[in-house]
């Protein structure tokens, strides 16, 4: 059994109505737990969403990232080293 840990990911998305709900649903469907979220405007067309997630291990994190990559409005995903 893998231990739980907190991870920060930065998701760059195309600015469109409802995208935050779509992203949150993808995390939830992958059984992830969002502990914190912040949104930063990038250039008007895209914006950056930083999530602090509680995950159950590396495989669980990989499942969440795969779910997010399936969203057409997601441009880029980065794991941030500081939590």
C-alpha atoms as a PDB file:
ATOM      1  CA  UNK A   1       0.000   0.000   0.000  1.00  0.00           C
ATOM      2  CA  UNK A   2       1.366   3.395  -1.002  1.00  0.00           C
ATOM      3  CA  UNK A   3       1.339   6.289   1.441  1.00  0.00           C
ATOM      4  CA  UNK A   4      -0.645   9.479   0.916  1.00  0.00           C
ATOM      5  CA  UNK A   5       1.213  12.663   0.091  1.00  0.00           C
ATOM      6  CA  UNK A   6       0.485  16.189  -1.043  1.00  0.00           C
ATOM      7  CA  UNK A   7       1.541  17.406  -4.480  1.00  0.00           C
ATOM      8  CA  UNK A   8       1.164  20.694  -6.349  1.00  0.00           C
ATOM      9  CA  UNK A   9       0.441  20.703 -10.045  1.00  0.00           C
ATOM     10  CA  UNK A  10       0.114  23.645 -12.400  1.00  0.00           C
ATOM     11  CA  UNK A  11      -2.368  23.218 -15.225  1.00  0.00           C
ATOM     12  CA  UNK A  12      -2.386  25.703 -18.097  1.00  0.00           C
ATOM     13  CA  UNK A  13      -5.807  25.777 -19.746  1.00  0.00           C
ATOM     14  CA  UNK A  14      -7.626  27.614 -22.498  1.00  0.00           C
ATOM     15  CA  UNK A  15      -9.920  30.209 -20.945  1.00  0.00           C
ATOM     16  CA  UNK A  16     -13.428  28.906 -21.552  1.00  0.00           C
ATOM     17  CA  UNK A  17     -16.635  28.809 -19.568  1.00  0.00           C
ATOM     18  CA  UNK A  18     -16.888  25.890 -17.138  1.00  0.00           C
ATOM     19  CA  UNK A  19     -13.312  24.667 -17.502  1.00  0.00           C
ATOM     20  CA  UNK A  20     -12.636  24.784 -13.750  1.00  0.00           C
ATOM     21  CA  UNK A  21     -15.630  22.528 -13.144  1.00  0.00           C
ATOM     22  CA  UNK A  22     -14.400  20.120 -15.840  1.00  0.00           C
ATOM     23  CA  UNK A  23     -10.923  19.988 -14.280  1.00  0.00           C
ATOM     24  CA  UNK A  24     -12.292  19.508 -10.750  1.00  0.00           C
ATOM     25  CA  UNK A  25     -14.559  16.723 -11.999  1.00  0.00           C
ATOM     26  CA  UNK A  26     -11.628  14.952 -13.679  1.00  0.00           C
ATOM     27  CA  UNK A  27      -9.652  15.062 -10.422  1.00  0.00           C
ATOM     28  CA  UNK A  28     -12.664  13.846  -8.459  1.00  0.00           C
ATOM     29  CA  UNK A  29     -13.418  11.048 -10.928  1.00  0.00           C
ATOM     30  CA  UNK A  30      -9.827   9.848 -10.485  1.00  0.00           C
ATOM     31  CA  UNK A  31     -10.493   9.837  -6.711  1.00  0.00           C
ATOM     32  CA  UNK A  32      -8.199  12.785  -6.058  1.00  0.00           C
ATOM     33  CA  UNK A  33      -8.730  15.243  -3.241  1.00  0.00           C
ATOM     34  CA  UNK A  34      -8.222  18.966  -3.950  1.00  0.00           C
ATOM     35  CA  UNK A  35      -6.850  20.686  -0.838  1.00  0.00           C
ATOM     36  CA  UNK A  36      -6.248  24.109  -2.399  1.00  0.00           C
ATOM     37  CA  UNK A  37      -6.681  25.852  -5.735  1.00  0.00           C
ATOM     38  CA  UNK A  38      -5.508  29.182  -7.144  1.00  0.00           C
ATOM     39  CA  UNK A  39      -6.037  30.715 -10.567  1.00  0.00           C
ATOM     40  CA  UNK A  40      -3.691  33.130 -12.305  1.00  0.00           C
ATOM     41  CA  UNK A  41      -4.489  34.948 -15.541  1.00  0.00           C
ATOM     42  CA  UNK A  42      -1.784  34.398 -18.138  1.00  0.00           C
ATOM     43  CA  UNK A  43      -2.557  36.254 -21.345  1.00  0.00           C
ATOM     44  CA  UNK A  44      -6.341  36.497 -21.615  1.00  0.00           C
ATOM     45  CA  UNK A  45      -6.652  33.362 -23.753  1.00  0.00           C
ATOM     46  CA  UNK A  46      -5.020  30.930 -21.329  1.00  0.00           C
ATOM     47  CA  UNK A  47      -4.761  30.857 -17.592  1.00  0.00           C
ATOM     48  CA  UNK A  48      -2.856  28.851 -15.034  1.00  0.00           C
ATOM     49  CA  UNK A  49      -4.548  26.828 -12.294  1.00  0.00           C
ATOM     50  CA  UNK A  50      -2.440  25.570  -9.383  1.00  0.00           C
ATOM     51  CA  UNK A  51      -3.872  22.617  -7.477  1.00  0.00           C
ATOM     52  CA  UNK A  52      -2.661  21.209  -4.187  1.00  0.00           C
ATOM     53  CA  UNK A  53      -3.785  17.577  -4.249  1.00  0.00           C
ATOM     54  CA  UNK A  54      -3.753  14.726  -1.758  1.00  0.00           C
ATOM     55  CA  UNK A  55      -2.891  11.527  -3.607  1.00  0.00           C
ATOM     56  CA  UNK A  56      -2.493   7.893  -2.546  1.00  0.00           C
ATOM     57  CA  UNK A  57       0.820   7.262  -4.270  1.00  0.00           C
ATOM     58  CA  UNK A  58       2.687   7.661  -7.553  1.00  0.00           C
ATOM     59  CA  UNK A  59       0.268   5.500  -9.527  1.00  0.00           C
ATOM     60  CA  UNK A  60      -2.702   7.467  -8.238  1.00  0.00           C
ATOM     61  CA  UNK A  61      -1.012  10.741  -9.228  1.00  0.00           C
ATOM     62  CA  UNK A  62      -0.312   9.302 -12.694  1.00  0.00           C
ATOM     63  CA  UNK A  63      -4.013   8.384 -13.044  1.00  0.00           C
ATOM     64  CA  UNK A  64      -5.039  11.939 -12.146  1.00  0.00           C
ATOM     65  CA  UNK A  65      -2.566  13.452 -14.623  1.00  0.00           C
ATOM     66  CA  UNK A  66      -3.819  11.126 -17.373  1.00  0.00           C
ATOM     67  CA  UNK A  67      -7.394  12.231 -16.652  1.00  0.00           C
ATOM     68  CA  UNK A  68      -6.386  15.885 -16.916  1.00  0.00           C
ATOM     69  CA  UNK A  69      -4.482  15.354 -20.176  1.00  0.00           C
ATOM     70  CA  UNK A  70      -7.656  13.974 -21.778  1.00  0.00           C
ATOM     71  CA  UNK A  71      -9.334  17.381 -21.436  1.00  0.00           C
ATOM     72  CA  UNK A  72      -9.048  19.212 -24.753  1.00  0.00           C
ATOM     73  CA  UNK A  73      -8.705  22.643 -23.099  1.00  0.00           C
ATOM     74  CA  UNK A  74      -5.625  21.564 -21.112  1.00  0.00           C
ATOM     75  CA  UNK A  75      -2.519  23.015 -22.750  1.00  0.00           C
ATOM     76  CA  UNK A  76       0.192  21.930 -20.326  1.00  0.00           C
ATOM     77  CA  UNK A  77       0.624  20.240 -16.920  1.00  0.00           C
ATOM     78  CA  UNK A  78       3.615  20.676 -14.608  1.00  0.00           C
ATOM     79  CA  UNK A  79       4.316  19.121 -11.243  1.00  0.00           C
ATOM     80  CA  UNK A  80       5.630  21.771  -8.875  1.00  0.00           C
ATOM     81  CA  UNK A  81       8.361  20.780  -6.434  1.00  0.00           C
ATOM     82  CA  UNK A  82       7.344  22.954  -3.475  1.00  0.00           C
ATOM     83  CA  UNK A  83       4.219  21.969  -1.556  1.00  0.00           C
END
